[in-house]
Amino acid sequence: MKTSTIEAWVWVLIYGGLLLACLGWFVARTDAALGWGLGIVGAVAAAAGVLLIVVRSRMGP
C-alpha cells in the first residue's frame, strides 16, 4: 500500500472516529444504547488510526 494512502486513512479514521465518539456522547443523553454504540465504534476507529500511524512510521520512504 502506498504511503500517501495510509496517511489519508490515518486522518480519516482519527478525525472521523473522534467525531463519532463525540456524537455518541451527546446521543447518550437521550438513548443510552445508541450513544454507547456510536461511542465505541468511534473509539475503535480512532484507535485504528493511531495504529496506522505506527504502521506508517515503520515503513520506508
N, C-alpha and C. Protein backbone atom coordinates (compact mmCIF):
# COMPACT_ATOMS: atom_id res chain seq x y z
N MET A 1 0.85 -1.17 0.00
CA MET A 1 0.00 0.00 0.00
C MET A 1 0.90 1.24 0.00
N LYS A 2 0.51 2.24 -0.76
CA LYS A 2 1.30 3.46 -0.85
C LYS A 2 1.22 4.25 0.45
N THR A 3 2.28 4.98 0.75
CA THR A 3 2.31 5.75 1.99
C THR A 3 1.28 6.87 1.98
N SER A 4 1.02 7.45 0.83
CA SER A 4 0.03 8.53 0.78
C SER A 4 -1.37 8.01 1.10
N THR A 5 -1.66 6.78 0.71
CA THR A 5 -2.96 6.18 1.02
C THR A 5 -3.09 5.94 2.51
N ILE A 6 -2.03 5.44 3.13
CA ILE A 6 -2.07 5.20 4.57
C ILE A 6 -2.22 6.52 5.32
N GLU A 7 -1.49 7.54 4.89
CA GLU A 7 -1.59 8.84 5.56
C GLU A 7 -2.99 9.42 5.45
N ALA A 8 -3.64 9.24 4.33
CA ALA A 8 -5.01 9.72 4.18
C ALA A 8 -5.96 8.96 5.10
N TRP A 9 -5.81 7.64 5.18
CA TRP A 9 -6.66 6.84 6.06
C TRP A 9 -6.42 7.17 7.53
N VAL A 10 -5.20 7.53 7.89
CA VAL A 10 -4.91 7.91 9.28
C VAL A 10 -5.80 9.07 9.69
N TRP A 11 -5.82 10.11 8.88
CA TRP A 11 -6.59 11.30 9.24
C TRP A 11 -8.09 11.04 9.21
N VAL A 12 -8.54 10.28 8.23
CA VAL A 12 -9.97 9.97 8.14
C VAL A 12 -10.42 9.19 9.37
N LEU A 13 -9.65 8.18 9.76
CA LEU A 13 -10.03 7.35 10.90
C LEU A 13 -9.95 8.12 12.22
N ILE A 14 -8.90 8.90 12.40
CA ILE A 14 -8.77 9.62 13.67
C ILE A 14 -9.87 10.68 13.82
N TYR A 15 -9.99 11.55 12.84
CA TYR A 15 -10.98 12.62 12.96
C TYR A 15 -12.41 12.10 12.88
N GLY A 16 -12.65 11.15 12.00
CA GLY A 16 -13.99 10.56 11.92
C GLY A 16 -14.35 9.82 13.19
N GLY A 17 -13.39 9.09 13.75
CA GLY A 17 -13.64 8.36 14.99
C GLY A 17 -13.91 9.29 16.16
N LEU A 18 -13.14 10.35 16.27
CA LEU A 18 -13.38 11.29 17.36
C LEU A 18 -14.72 12.01 17.21
N LEU A 19 -15.06 12.34 15.97
CA LEU A 19 -16.36 12.97 15.72
C LEU A 19 -17.50 12.03 16.09
N LEU A 20 -17.37 10.77 15.72
CA LEU A 20 -18.40 9.78 16.03
C LEU A 20 -18.49 9.53 17.54
N ALA A 21 -17.35 9.52 18.22
CA ALA A 21 -17.36 9.33 19.67
C ALA A 21 -18.05 10.51 20.37
N CYS A 22 -17.80 11.72 19.90
CA CYS A 22 -18.47 12.89 20.47
C CYS A 22 -19.96 12.86 20.19
N LEU A 23 -20.33 12.45 19.00
CA LEU A 23 -21.74 12.32 18.67
C LEU A 23 -22.41 11.30 19.58
N GLY A 24 -21.73 10.20 19.83
CA GLY A 24 -22.26 9.19 20.74
C GLY A 24 -22.43 9.72 22.14
N TRP A 25 -21.52 10.57 22.57
CA TRP A 25 -21.61 11.17 23.90
C TRP A 25 -22.86 12.04 24.03
N PHE A 26 -23.17 12.80 22.99
CA PHE A 26 -24.36 13.65 23.02
C PHE A 26 -25.64 12.84 22.87
N VAL A 27 -25.61 11.81 22.04
CA VAL A 27 -26.79 10.98 21.82
C VAL A 27 -27.11 10.16 23.07
N ALA A 28 -26.11 9.84 23.86
CA ALA A 28 -26.30 9.00 25.05
C ALA A 28 -27.24 9.66 26.06
N ARG A 29 -27.42 10.95 25.98
CA ARG A 29 -28.33 11.64 26.91
C ARG A 29 -29.78 11.22 26.68
N THR A 30 -30.11 10.90 25.43
CA THR A 30 -31.49 10.53 25.13
C THR A 30 -31.67 9.03 24.90
N ASP A 31 -30.66 8.38 24.30
CA ASP A 31 -30.73 6.95 24.04
C ASP A 31 -29.37 6.34 24.39
N ALA A 32 -29.31 5.72 25.56
CA ALA A 32 -28.04 5.23 26.09
C ALA A 32 -27.42 4.15 25.21
N ALA A 33 -28.21 3.22 24.73
CA ALA A 33 -27.65 2.12 23.93
C ALA A 33 -27.05 2.64 22.62
N LEU A 34 -27.76 3.51 21.94
CA LEU A 34 -27.26 4.06 20.68
C LEU A 34 -26.02 4.93 20.94
N GLY A 35 -26.06 5.70 21.99
CA GLY A 35 -24.92 6.55 22.32
C GLY A 35 -23.67 5.75 22.62
N TRP A 36 -23.80 4.70 23.42
CA TRP A 36 -22.66 3.84 23.72
C TRP A 36 -22.15 3.16 22.46
N GLY A 37 -23.06 2.71 21.62
CA GLY A 37 -22.66 2.06 20.37
C GLY A 37 -21.86 2.99 19.48
N LEU A 38 -22.35 4.21 19.30
CA LEU A 38 -21.62 5.18 18.49
C LEU A 38 -20.27 5.53 19.12
N GLY A 39 -20.26 5.66 20.43
CA GLY A 39 -19.01 5.98 21.11
C GLY A 39 -17.96 4.90 20.97
N ILE A 40 -18.39 3.66 21.08
CA ILE A 40 -17.44 2.55 20.97
C ILE A 40 -16.92 2.43 19.54
N VAL A 41 -17.81 2.55 18.57
CA VAL A 41 -17.36 2.48 17.17
C VAL A 41 -16.40 3.63 16.86
N GLY A 42 -16.70 4.81 17.36
CA GLY A 42 -15.81 5.95 17.15
C GLY A 42 -14.46 5.76 17.80
N ALA A 43 -14.45 5.22 19.02
CA ALA A 43 -13.19 4.99 19.72
C ALA A 43 -12.35 3.93 19.00
N VAL A 44 -12.99 2.90 18.49
CA VAL A 44 -12.27 1.87 17.75
C VAL A 44 -11.68 2.45 16.46
N ALA A 45 -12.43 3.30 15.77
CA ALA A 45 -11.93 3.92 14.55
C ALA A 45 -10.73 4.82 14.85
N ALA A 46 -10.81 5.59 15.92
CA ALA A 46 -9.68 6.45 16.29
C ALA A 46 -8.46 5.62 16.67
N ALA A 47 -8.68 4.51 17.38
CA ALA A 47 -7.57 3.63 17.74
C ALA A 47 -6.95 3.00 16.49
N ALA A 48 -7.76 2.67 15.50
CA ALA A 48 -7.24 2.13 14.25
C ALA A 48 -6.39 3.18 13.53
N GLY A 49 -6.78 4.42 13.61
CA GLY A 49 -5.98 5.49 13.03
C GLY A 49 -4.63 5.63 13.71
N VAL A 50 -4.62 5.52 15.02
CA VAL A 50 -3.36 5.57 15.77
C VAL A 50 -2.49 4.37 15.40
N LEU A 51 -3.10 3.21 15.25
CA LEU A 51 -2.35 2.02 14.85
C LEU A 51 -1.74 2.21 13.45
N LEU A 52 -2.46 2.85 12.56
CA LEU A 52 -1.90 3.11 11.23
C LEU A 52 -0.74 4.10 11.29
N ILE A 53 -0.73 4.98 12.27
CA ILE A 53 0.44 5.87 12.45
C ILE A 53 1.67 5.04 12.77
N VAL A 54 1.49 4.04 13.63
CA VAL A 54 2.61 3.17 13.97
C VAL A 54 3.06 2.38 12.75
N VAL A 55 2.10 1.86 11.98
CA VAL A 55 2.45 1.12 10.76
C VAL A 55 3.21 2.02 9.79
N ARG A 56 2.75 3.23 9.61
CA ARG A 56 3.40 4.16 8.69
C ARG A 56 4.79 4.53 9.17
N SER A 57 4.99 4.65 10.47
CA SER A 57 6.31 5.02 10.98
C SER A 57 7.33 3.91 10.76
N ARG A 58 6.88 2.68 10.62
CA ARG A 58 7.79 1.57 10.40
C ARG A 58 8.03 1.28 8.93
N MET A 59 7.31 1.97 8.04
CA MET A 59 7.52 1.80 6.61
C MET A 59 8.69 2.65 6.15
N GLY A 60 9.26 2.25 5.05
CA GLY A 60 10.35 3.04 4.47
C GLY A 60 9.82 4.25 3.74
N PRO A 61 10.71 5.06 3.20
CA PRO A 61 10.28 6.26 2.46
C PRO A 61 9.72 5.87 1.17
